[in-house]
Amino acid sequence: MISPLANVHPKARIGKNVTIEAFATIYEDVEIGDDTFIHPNAVIYPDTIIGKGCKIFPGAIIGIVNQDLKYRGEKSNTVIGNNTVIREYVTIHKGTADRMTTKVGDNCLIMCYTHLGHDCIVGNNVIIANNGSLAGHITVEDFVVIEGVVAAQQFVRIGAHSFVAGASLVRKSIPPYVRVAREPLQFIGVNTIGLNRRGFDKEVIKQIEDIYRIIFVRGHNLSNALEIVENEMPDTEIRKQILDFIKSQKDGIIKGI
């Protein structure tokens, strides 16, 4: 159902069973998937794709031109996956020449007043709580939980299944499977609660804990710690994932205990 008081451009592509309530604005070159619900006063700007079964709450602004001073109007877009909820007054800016897109995956919950800057890539099943602020070019991998009032600087990467405590300042990348808190931000443990909830085997969780004990707890410098992990820990997919993540972060990772 599209309210007669909604402003929907005739060139917008609207799926089946879509609700667009009064005073929402949908620009041209917007695609909205089946069964999506757009609340009043939400604004969807051009070159935006909204997936199926999404809920966009009042005041959300998706796909608006970014704030990057280097942006020259290149054709970029914004993509929201299926079954994602975007709450009140969230702002999501379109991409630039860096990645050409800003993307949020499937089954995400982006809570009130969160800002996702240009060229952010957010994975599937991610939760970002109220007043989160992600600068441009950030990657958030699958199943990350970011508590409220977290600010992350540009180009950092937040690894899968990690947990970021509220009011944290993220200046360095966060490896997968960990919990981080304090100022400056540091490792405070493995995200065992989240991993248990998602059905990870106990032996896999123990291996993750053993790897991060070497990296963050025993006092080794990072290069030595990574060498010890390679030489002493079983060669598994989990070990490879953690090592590959850390080695790929040119600007470094968060500190240990």
Protein backbone atom coordinates (compact mmCIF):
# COMPACT_ATOMS: atom_id res chain seq x y z
CA MET A 1 0.00 0.00 0.00
CA ILE A 2 1.40 3.39 -1.03
CA SER A 3 -0.13 6.35 0.75
CA PRO A 4 -1.44 9.11 -1.53
CA LEU A 5 0.55 11.48 0.70
CA ALA A 6 3.85 9.70 -0.06
CA ASN A 7 6.16 11.22 -2.68
CA VAL A 8 7.17 8.33 -4.95
CA HIS A 9 8.98 9.08 -8.21
CA PRO A 10 7.37 7.34 -11.21
CA LYS A 11 10.73 5.84 -12.17
CA ALA A 12 11.20 4.17 -8.78
CA ARG A 13 10.88 0.37 -8.98
CA ILE A 14 8.56 -0.85 -6.23
CA GLY A 15 8.15 -4.57 -5.49
CA LYS A 16 5.09 -6.50 -4.39
CA ASN A 17 3.32 -5.91 -1.09
CA VAL A 18 5.41 -2.82 -0.29
CA THR A 19 4.04 -0.27 2.19
CA ILE A 20 5.09 3.36 1.84
CA GLU A 21 3.47 5.57 4.44
CA ALA A 22 2.55 9.25 4.31
CA PHE A 23 5.29 11.82 3.73
CA ALA A 24 7.96 9.28 2.86
CA THR A 25 9.98 10.29 -0.22
CA ILE A 26 11.28 7.81 -2.79
CA TYR A 27 13.47 9.30 -5.54
CA GLU A 28 14.07 8.05 -9.07
CA ASP A 29 16.45 5.14 -9.67
CA VAL A 30 15.44 3.56 -6.39
CA GLU A 31 14.55 -0.12 -6.17
CA ILE A 32 12.53 -1.45 -3.22
CA GLY A 33 12.10 -5.20 -2.76
CA ASP A 34 8.94 -7.13 -1.96
CA ASP A 35 7.34 -6.90 1.49
CA THR A 36 9.36 -3.89 2.60
CA PHE A 37 7.78 -1.30 4.90
CA ILE A 38 8.74 2.38 4.63
CA HIS A 39 7.56 4.48 7.57
CA PRO A 40 6.56 8.18 7.40
CA ASN A 41 9.24 10.78 6.65
CA ALA A 42 11.88 8.29 5.55
CA VAL A 43 13.82 9.47 2.49
CA ILE A 44 15.39 7.09 -0.06
CA TYR A 45 17.70 8.92 -2.47
CA PRO A 46 18.63 7.96 -6.06
CA ASP A 47 20.84 4.95 -6.86
CA THR A 48 19.65 3.01 -3.83
CA ILE A 49 18.56 -0.63 -3.70
CA ILE A 50 16.50 -1.81 -0.73
CA GLY A 51 16.09 -5.57 -0.37
CA LYS A 52 13.05 -7.69 0.46
CA GLY A 53 11.34 -7.65 3.83
CA CYS A 54 13.12 -4.55 5.15
CA LYS A 55 11.72 -2.04 7.63
CA ILE A 56 12.78 1.59 7.26
CA PHE A 57 11.64 3.72 10.21
CA PRO A 58 10.68 7.42 10.38
CA GLY A 59 13.36 9.97 9.58
CA ALA A 60 15.86 7.51 8.11
CA ILE A 61 17.86 8.93 5.19
CA ILE A 62 19.40 6.36 2.85
CA GLY A 63 21.63 6.95 -0.16
CA ILE A 64 22.09 10.69 0.17
CA VAL A 65 25.21 12.26 -1.37
CA ASN A 66 28.22 11.66 0.87
CA GLN A 67 30.32 14.19 2.76
CA ASP A 68 33.64 13.27 1.13
CA LEU A 69 35.28 16.45 -0.20
CA LYS A 70 36.92 14.37 -2.94
CA TYR A 71 33.56 13.21 -4.31
CA ARG A 72 33.00 14.49 -7.85
CA GLY A 73 29.56 13.11 -8.55
CA GLU A 74 30.70 9.71 -9.84
CA LYS A 75 27.92 7.17 -10.29
CA SER A 76 27.86 5.23 -7.04
CA ASN A 77 25.13 3.54 -5.06
CA THR A 78 23.77 2.35 -1.73
CA VAL A 79 22.59 -1.23 -1.19
CA ILE A 80 20.55 -2.58 1.73
CA GLY A 81 20.15 -6.36 1.98
CA ASN A 82 17.09 -8.44 2.75
CA ASN A 83 15.23 -8.41 6.09
CA THR A 84 17.27 -5.54 7.46
CA VAL A 85 15.79 -3.06 9.94
CA ILE A 86 16.88 0.57 9.83
CA ARG A 87 15.55 2.53 12.78
CA GLU A 88 14.71 6.19 13.30
CA TYR A 89 17.02 8.90 11.95
CA VAL A 90 19.72 6.59 10.67
CA THR A 91 21.83 8.21 7.91
CA ILE A 92 23.56 6.11 5.25
CA HIS A 93 25.64 7.92 2.61
CA LYS A 94 26.25 6.67 -0.92
CA GLY A 95 29.69 5.45 -2.05
CA THR A 96 32.55 7.22 -3.81
CA ALA A 97 35.20 6.22 -6.34
CA ASP A 98 36.90 4.13 -3.63
CA ARG A 99 34.35 1.29 -3.54
CA MET A 100 31.50 2.81 -5.60
CA THR A 101 29.02 1.56 -3.03
CA THR A 102 27.92 1.71 0.57
CA LYS A 103 26.42 -1.62 1.55
CA VAL A 104 24.52 -3.15 4.46
CA GLY A 105 23.93 -6.92 4.34
CA ASP A 106 21.00 -9.18 5.20
CA ASN A 107 19.29 -9.50 8.59
CA CYS A 108 20.97 -6.45 10.12
CA LEU A 109 19.63 -4.13 12.81
CA ILE A 110 20.86 -0.54 12.54
CA MET A 111 19.48 1.32 15.54
CA CYS A 112 18.41 4.95 16.01
CA TYR A 113 20.69 7.85 15.04
CA THR A 114 23.44 5.64 13.66
CA HIS A 115 25.55 7.06 10.82
CA LEU A 116 27.19 4.90 8.16
CA GLY A 117 29.66 6.92 6.09
CA HIS A 118 30.45 6.50 2.40
CA ASP A 119 31.99 3.24 1.22
CA CYS A 120 31.18 1.37 4.42
CA ILE A 121 30.61 -2.35 3.86
CA VAL A 122 28.54 -3.96 6.61
CA GLY A 123 28.11 -7.74 6.51
CA ASN A 124 25.16 -9.97 7.38
CA ASN A 125 23.53 -10.33 10.81
CA VAL A 126 25.22 -7.20 12.19
CA ILE A 127 23.79 -5.15 15.05
CA ILE A 128 24.82 -1.52 15.52
CA ALA A 129 23.17 0.08 18.56
CA ASN A 130 21.99 3.67 19.01
CA ASN A 131 24.25 6.57 18.03
CA GLY A 132 26.90 4.46 16.36
CA SER A 133 29.11 6.51 14.06
CA LEU A 134 31.14 4.82 11.32
CA ALA A 135 33.38 7.01 9.19
CA GLY A 136 34.03 6.25 5.54
CA HIS A 137 35.68 3.15 4.06
CA ILE A 138 35.00 0.90 7.08
CA THR A 139 34.37 -2.84 6.77
CA VAL A 140 32.23 -4.62 9.37
CA GLU A 141 32.18 -8.38 8.90
CA ASP A 142 29.32 -10.82 9.63
CA PHE A 143 27.73 -11.24 13.08
CA VAL A 144 29.43 -8.22 14.64
CA VAL A 145 27.70 -6.52 17.58
CA ILE A 146 28.52 -2.85 18.18
CA GLU A 147 27.02 -1.35 21.31
CA GLY A 148 25.75 2.22 21.60
CA VAL A 149 27.71 5.45 21.11
CA VAL A 150 30.67 3.78 19.38
CA ALA A 151 32.73 5.89 16.98
CA ALA A 152 35.03 4.26 14.42
CA GLN A 153 37.59 6.09 12.30
CA GLN A 154 37.96 5.63 8.55
CA PHE A 155 39.46 2.51 6.97
CA VAL A 156 39.33 0.26 10.04
CA ARG A 157 38.05 -3.32 9.76
CA ILE A 158 35.95 -5.05 12.41
CA GLY A 159 36.28 -8.82 12.24
CA ALA A 160 33.46 -11.36 12.19
CA HIS A 161 31.73 -12.34 15.44
CA SER A 162 33.45 -9.59 17.41
CA PHE A 163 31.79 -7.51 20.13
CA VAL A 164 32.52 -3.80 20.67
CA ALA A 165 31.57 -2.37 24.06
CA GLY A 166 29.51 0.81 24.29
CA ALA A 167 31.13 4.25 24.03
CA SER A 168 34.30 2.78 22.52
CA LEU A 169 36.57 4.71 20.15
CA VAL A 170 37.75 2.42 17.37
CA ARG A 171 41.05 3.69 15.96
CA LYS A 172 42.55 0.33 14.98
CA SER A 173 41.15 -2.78 13.35
CA ILE A 174 39.53 -5.45 15.53
CA PRO A 175 40.30 -9.13 14.76
CA PRO A 176 37.48 -11.69 14.52
CA TYR A 177 35.89 -13.45 17.52
CA VAL A 178 37.05 -11.01 20.21
CA ARG A 179 35.51 -8.62 22.72
CA VAL A 180 37.00 -5.15 22.99
CA ALA A 181 36.53 -2.29 25.46
CA ARG A 182 38.32 0.42 27.48
CA GLU A 183 40.27 3.48 26.33
CA PRO A 184 42.47 3.07 24.42
CA LEU A 185 40.54 0.17 22.95
CA GLN A 186 41.94 -3.25 23.83
CA PHE A 187 41.26 -6.97 23.81
CA ILE A 188 39.28 -8.09 26.87
CA GLY A 189 38.56 -11.68 25.85
CA VAL A 190 37.04 -13.94 23.24
CA ASN A 191 33.34 -13.45 22.43
CA THR A 192 32.44 -16.85 23.87
CA ILE A 193 28.83 -15.94 24.64
CA GLY A 194 28.17 -14.94 21.04
CA LEU A 195 29.99 -17.97 19.66
CA ASN A 196 28.05 -20.34 21.92
CA ARG A 197 24.77 -18.76 20.85
CA ARG A 198 25.70 -19.30 17.21
CA GLY A 199 26.51 -22.97 17.72
CA PHE A 200 30.31 -22.96 17.60
CA ASP A 201 31.87 -26.21 18.79
CA LYS A 202 33.59 -26.04 22.20
CA GLU A 203 36.87 -27.25 20.72
CA VAL A 204 36.78 -24.50 18.12
CA ILE A 205 36.14 -21.87 20.81
CA LYS A 206 39.04 -23.29 22.85
CA GLN A 207 41.34 -23.00 19.85
CA ILE A 208 40.30 -19.37 19.35
CA GLU A 209 41.02 -18.68 23.03
CA ASP A 210 44.44 -20.38 22.78
CA ILE A 211 45.37 -18.34 19.70
CA TYR A 212 44.42 -15.03 21.26
CA ARG A 213 46.12 -15.91 24.53
CA ILE A 214 49.38 -16.06 22.57
CA ILE A 215 48.65 -12.89 20.61
CA PHE A 216 47.25 -10.65 23.33
CA VAL A 217 47.95 -12.01 26.82
CA ARG A 218 51.45 -13.49 27.06
CA GLY A 219 53.34 -10.27 26.39
CA HIS A 220 54.88 -11.14 23.01
CA ASN A 221 55.27 -8.43 20.40
CA LEU A 222 52.86 -8.99 17.55
CA SER A 223 55.28 -10.38 14.98
CA ASN A 224 56.65 -12.93 17.46
CA ALA A 225 53.15 -13.87 18.59
CA LEU A 226 52.05 -14.55 15.03
CA GLU A 227 55.13 -16.70 14.45
CA ILE A 228 54.38 -18.72 17.59
CA VAL A 229 50.76 -19.23 16.48
CA GLU A 230 51.95 -20.46 13.07
CA ASN A 231 54.49 -22.84 14.57
CA GLU A 232 52.59 -24.18 17.58
CA MET A 233 48.87 -24.06 16.85
CA PRO A 234 47.09 -26.64 14.64
CA ASP A 235 46.72 -25.62 11.00
CA THR A 236 42.96 -25.03 10.85
CA GLU A 237 40.66 -22.71 8.94
CA ILE A 238 40.12 -20.67 12.11
CA ARG A 239 43.86 -20.16 12.57
CA LYS A 240 44.21 -19.13 8.93
CA GLN A 241 41.32 -16.68 9.20
CA ILE A 242 42.77 -14.97 12.28
CA LEU A 243 46.32 -14.80 10.91
CA ASP A 244 45.21 -13.56 7.49
CA PHE A 245 43.08 -10.85 9.08
CA ILE A 246 45.86 -9.54 11.33
CA LYS A 247 48.56 -9.66 8.65
CA SER A 248 46.37 -7.71 6.21
CA GLN A 249 45.89 -4.72 8.53
CA LYS A 250 48.57 -2.25 7.44
CA ASP A 251 47.58 0.29 10.09
CA GLY A 252 47.66 -2.24 12.91
CA ILE A 253 45.17 -3.82 15.30
CA ILE A 254 43.90 -3.07 18.80
CA LYS A 255 46.15 -3.66 21.81
CA GLY A 256 46.31 -6.67 24.11
CA ILE A 257 45.77 -6.81 27.84
